[in-house]
Structure formats: C-alpha cells, structure tokens
Amino acid sequence: MMNYSFEYIDVIFLAMIAGFIFLRLRAILGKRTGFEGKATPQFDKILKEAVAKKASIVKEKFDENDQKDFLKGAKIAYETIITDFSDNDNKLTTSKPLLSKEIYTQFNKALKERSARGHYAEITFIGVNSAVIKEHKKIDKILNVTVEFIAEVITCIKDKDKKTISGDPEKIKKIYDTWVFSRDITSANPNWQLVNTLT
C-alpha cells in the first residue's frame, strides 16, 4: 500500500550494472560463443559487488518526493487501521498486513477484552486533517518513520443492548496519534508496517 519507490534509480542503475558486467567479463573471459559451463568465480564476485552497491544506494534514499509518496500511503493506512480496530466485529481483518506481529498481538488482545465484556465499537472516519513526518531514522537496513496524525471521527462504544457507554454517536471528535512505521528498504516488498504507537 505504501510504496517506497525506486523505479527510476533502478532502471538507471541496472543499466550501469549490465554495462559494467559486460565489460568486466569480456576483459576476464574474452569473446566466447555458446554455453561453456557454469558461471566463473569472477562473475559471481562482480555480481555480488554490484548488488551490494545498489543496496547501499537505496539505503540512503528518502528524499522529499519519497516522503510525499510515503505520507499519501500513511494516511490510507492510518484510516484503514483506525477503522478496522473501531468497527463492530471486534476483529482485525483489513489492517492485519499493515501491523507488525507485536502491534497485531497488542490490538487483538484489546479487541478480545472488549468482546468479552459484550461491548462493540461504531465509527465513522471523517478524514485526516494532517499527517507530518517528525523523524525518519535508518538503522542498518531498517527505515523507521515517525508520523504525527490529526484526524476527525465519530465513534462510540456500545453494549450488547446497543446502549452507548462511551463516546457520542453524533459528535465529531478530533484524535491525535503519533505512530512509527517501519520497512526493510532492501526488500522487494514495498509495504510498510506499523511498529509502535507513541500516543
């Protein structure tokens, strides 16, 4: 859902790799025709060097355009998670791929406790007023991005008799959240996951 796009740099870099490998192999192996057995150790070494170099370039990239693309996806993810957690089935369905194992376990426990009390939630998500990146930090191959959200919802908790026990089913409420999303930026999987909720 949240794409950390490297399409253009990939095209350019892969073209550079192809040219580099061709010239190095020609120098090492000379001109040959037909299949002559498995790849040489020199080829493996060149390929590994190229892949490592590409990974190091990718790790450094989270510029202004990437941040704009990230925030578009973060807003959608935020709405998806909030709505899934606050609807009336007390189950996490659509948001599960967006949650780390730890956050999924934490949220799921809260929902089971709510269900055991015979309570359920109702929500109408009005919209995200703002989403601001407060910090982005790379630790090895993992990029963590902290986002402050301000949104508006109509939400309440009801019991099994449909009596409202908290919230107001007719009043718009502002909510404030600070969430941390994470992604392995060397992975082919473009999706981010929620790994922490600070507020």
Protein backbone atom coordinates (compact mmCIF):
# COMPACT_ATOMS: atom_id res chain seq x y z
CA MET A 1 0.00 0.00 0.00
CA MET A 2 2.79 2.34 0.84
CA ASN A 3 5.32 2.35 -1.89
CA TYR A 4 8.88 3.37 -1.29
CA SER A 5 9.54 4.00 -4.99
CA PHE A 6 12.93 3.32 -6.52
CA GLU A 7 11.77 2.76 -10.11
CA TYR A 8 13.88 5.39 -11.85
CA ILE A 9 17.10 4.78 -9.97
CA ASP A 10 16.64 1.03 -10.52
CA VAL A 11 16.40 1.45 -14.31
CA ILE A 12 19.50 3.64 -14.48
CA PHE A 13 21.48 1.58 -12.04
CA LEU A 14 20.60 -1.75 -13.64
CA ALA A 15 21.73 -0.40 -17.00
CA MET A 16 25.03 0.62 -15.41
CA ILE A 17 25.39 -2.84 -13.85
CA ALA A 18 24.74 -4.53 -17.21
CA GLY A 19 27.39 -2.43 -18.96
CA PHE A 20 29.87 -2.87 -16.15
CA ILE A 21 29.41 -6.65 -16.01
CA PHE A 22 29.69 -6.97 -19.80
CA LEU A 23 32.97 -5.05 -19.94
CA ARG A 24 34.47 -6.87 -16.95
CA LEU A 25 33.50 -10.29 -18.25
CA ARG A 26 34.84 -9.54 -21.69
CA ALA A 27 38.15 -8.49 -20.17
CA ILE A 28 38.30 -11.57 -17.93
CA LEU A 29 36.91 -14.24 -20.25
CA GLY A 30 37.50 -12.91 -23.72
CA LYS A 31 34.98 -13.35 -26.52
CA ARG A 32 33.27 -16.76 -26.43
CA THR A 33 30.37 -18.38 -28.20
CA GLY A 34 27.88 -20.98 -26.96
CA PHE A 35 27.33 -22.25 -23.43
CA GLU A 36 30.62 -23.20 -21.75
CA GLY A 37 29.59 -24.36 -18.29
CA LYS A 38 28.64 -22.61 -15.04
CA ALA A 39 29.45 -19.01 -14.21
CA THR A 40 33.02 -18.32 -13.18
CA PRO A 41 34.01 -17.16 -9.67
CA GLN A 42 34.88 -13.79 -11.21
CA PHE A 43 31.31 -13.41 -12.46
CA ASP A 44 29.87 -14.23 -9.03
CA LYS A 45 32.16 -11.71 -7.40
CA ILE A 46 31.23 -8.96 -9.86
CA LEU A 47 27.52 -9.64 -9.44
CA LYS A 48 27.74 -9.60 -5.63
CA GLU A 49 29.65 -6.31 -5.74
CA ALA A 50 27.01 -4.78 -8.00
CA VAL A 51 24.11 -5.91 -5.80
CA ALA A 52 25.85 -4.63 -2.67
CA LYS A 53 26.47 -1.26 -4.31
CA LYS A 54 22.81 -0.98 -5.34
CA ALA A 55 21.68 -1.80 -1.78
CA SER A 56 23.94 0.91 -0.34
CA ILE A 57 22.45 3.50 -2.73
CA VAL A 58 18.89 2.50 -1.87
CA LYS A 59 19.57 2.77 1.87
CA GLU A 60 20.45 6.44 1.60
CA LYS A 61 17.36 7.50 -0.34
CA PHE A 62 14.38 9.03 1.45
CA ASP A 63 14.15 12.44 -0.15
CA GLU A 64 11.31 14.94 -0.31
CA ASN A 65 9.45 13.13 -3.10
CA ASP A 66 9.73 9.81 -1.29
CA GLN A 67 8.36 11.42 1.85
CA LYS A 68 5.38 12.84 -0.04
CA ASP A 69 4.60 9.42 -1.51
CA PHE A 70 5.05 7.83 1.90
CA LEU A 71 2.60 10.23 3.56
CA LYS A 72 -0.07 9.51 0.95
CA GLY A 73 0.13 5.84 1.83
CA ALA A 74 0.45 6.56 5.57
CA LYS A 75 -2.87 8.43 5.57
CA ILE A 76 -4.62 5.50 3.90
CA ALA A 77 -3.01 3.05 6.30
CA TYR A 78 -3.99 5.19 9.28
CA GLU A 79 -7.63 5.28 8.23
CA THR A 80 -7.62 1.54 7.49
CA ILE A 81 -6.16 0.64 10.90
CA ILE A 82 -8.33 3.04 12.92
CA THR A 83 -11.49 1.89 11.14
CA ASP A 84 -10.65 -1.81 11.42
CA PHE A 85 -9.89 -1.51 15.14
CA SER A 86 -13.01 0.53 15.87
CA ASP A 87 -15.69 -1.26 13.85
CA ASN A 88 -18.32 -3.55 15.34
CA ASP A 89 -16.90 -7.02 14.64
CA ASN A 90 -14.07 -6.82 17.22
CA LYS A 91 -11.67 -8.38 14.71
CA LEU A 92 -8.63 -7.21 12.75
CA THR A 93 -9.10 -8.08 9.10
CA THR A 94 -8.18 -5.45 6.50
CA SER A 95 -5.43 -3.92 8.64
CA LYS A 96 -3.56 -7.11 9.54
CA PRO A 97 -0.91 -6.82 6.75
CA LEU A 98 -0.16 -3.29 7.94
CA LEU A 99 0.69 -4.33 11.51
CA SER A 100 3.86 -5.82 12.93
CA LYS A 101 3.42 -9.02 14.92
CA GLU A 102 3.79 -7.13 18.19
CA ILE A 103 1.22 -4.46 17.32
CA TYR A 104 -1.20 -7.05 15.93
CA THR A 105 -0.97 -9.04 19.18
CA GLN A 106 -1.48 -5.88 21.26
CA PHE A 107 -4.51 -4.70 19.26
CA ASN A 108 -6.03 -8.16 19.04
CA LYS A 109 -5.79 -8.59 22.83
CA ALA A 110 -7.64 -5.29 23.37
CA LEU A 111 -10.38 -6.37 20.95
CA LYS A 112 -10.81 -9.74 22.67
CA GLU A 113 -11.16 -7.99 26.02
CA ARG A 114 -13.77 -5.63 24.56
CA SER A 115 -15.66 -8.54 23.06
CA ALA A 116 -15.55 -10.46 26.38
CA ARG A 117 -17.27 -7.51 28.05
CA GLY A 118 -20.04 -7.68 25.47
CA HIS A 119 -19.06 -4.31 24.01
CA TYR A 120 -18.52 -3.23 20.43
CA ALA A 121 -17.49 -0.02 18.69
CA GLU A 122 -19.05 2.10 15.99
CA ILE A 123 -17.04 4.55 13.91
CA THR A 124 -17.39 6.97 11.05
CA PHE A 125 -14.00 8.16 9.84
CA ILE A 126 -14.36 11.79 8.72
CA GLY A 127 -10.81 12.32 7.47
CA VAL A 128 -7.17 13.07 8.22
CA ASN A 129 -6.59 16.76 8.91
CA SER A 130 -2.83 16.48 8.88
CA ALA A 131 -0.01 13.96 8.75
CA VAL A 132 3.52 15.19 9.44
CA ILE A 133 6.78 13.28 9.47
CA LYS A 134 8.53 14.13 12.74
CA GLU A 135 11.51 11.85 12.30
CA HIS A 136 12.97 9.28 9.97
CA LYS A 137 15.84 7.13 11.09
CA LYS A 138 17.73 4.33 9.35
CA ILE A 139 19.17 1.52 11.48
CA ASP A 140 21.12 -0.87 9.27
CA LYS A 141 18.63 -1.84 6.55
CA ILE A 142 15.52 -0.79 8.51
CA LEU A 143 13.99 2.66 7.99
CA ASN A 144 11.69 3.90 10.77
CA VAL A 145 9.42 6.88 10.12
CA THR A 146 7.55 8.66 12.92
CA VAL A 147 4.34 10.41 11.87
CA GLU A 148 2.01 12.71 13.82
CA PHE A 149 -1.62 12.41 12.74
CA ILE A 150 -4.59 14.65 13.47
CA ALA A 151 -7.92 13.23 12.32
CA GLU A 152 -11.65 13.56 12.87
CA VAL A 153 -14.00 10.67 13.65
CA ILE A 154 -17.41 9.95 15.07
CA THR A 155 -17.08 7.00 17.41
CA CYS A 156 -18.64 5.37 20.43
CA ILE A 157 -18.69 2.12 22.41
CA LYS A 158 -21.99 0.27 22.91
CA ASP A 159 -23.02 -2.72 24.96
CA LYS A 160 -24.95 -5.78 23.82
CA ASP A 161 -28.21 -3.88 24.32
CA LYS A 162 -26.94 -1.15 21.98
CA LYS A 163 -26.70 1.33 24.83
CA THR A 164 -23.92 3.89 24.42
CA ILE A 165 -21.41 3.55 27.27
CA SER A 166 -18.72 5.90 25.98
CA GLY A 167 -18.26 8.37 23.17
CA ASP A 168 -21.01 10.14 21.24
CA PRO A 169 -22.57 8.66 18.06
CA GLU A 170 -23.47 12.15 16.83
CA LYS A 171 -20.42 14.21 17.75
CA ILE A 172 -17.27 14.71 15.69
CA LYS A 173 -14.14 14.12 17.74
CA LYS A 174 -10.53 15.08 16.98
CA ILE A 175 -7.95 12.39 17.62
CA TYR A 176 -4.19 12.80 17.88
CA ASP A 177 -1.78 9.93 17.26
CA THR A 178 1.96 9.53 16.85
CA TRP A 179 2.81 6.31 15.06
CA VAL A 180 6.03 4.70 13.88
CA PHE A 181 6.11 2.85 10.57
CA SER A 182 8.96 0.59 9.52
CA ARG A 183 10.26 -1.08 6.38
CA ASP A 184 13.26 -3.11 5.27
CA ILE A 185 14.37 -0.86 2.42
CA THR A 186 16.41 -3.58 0.74
CA SER A 187 13.34 -5.82 0.48
CA ALA A 188 11.31 -6.23 -2.71
CA ASN A 189 8.15 -5.88 -0.58
CA PRO A 190 7.05 -2.21 -0.87
CA ASN A 191 4.72 -2.29 2.15
CA TRP A 192 5.35 -0.57 5.46
CA GLN A 193 4.13 -1.81 8.83
CA LEU A 194 3.04 -0.05 11.99
CA VAL A 195 5.59 -1.00 14.68
CA ASN A 196 4.82 1.42 17.52
CA THR A 197 2.12 3.76 18.79
CA LEU A 198 3.62 6.56 20.87
CA THR A 199 0.34 8.36 21.68
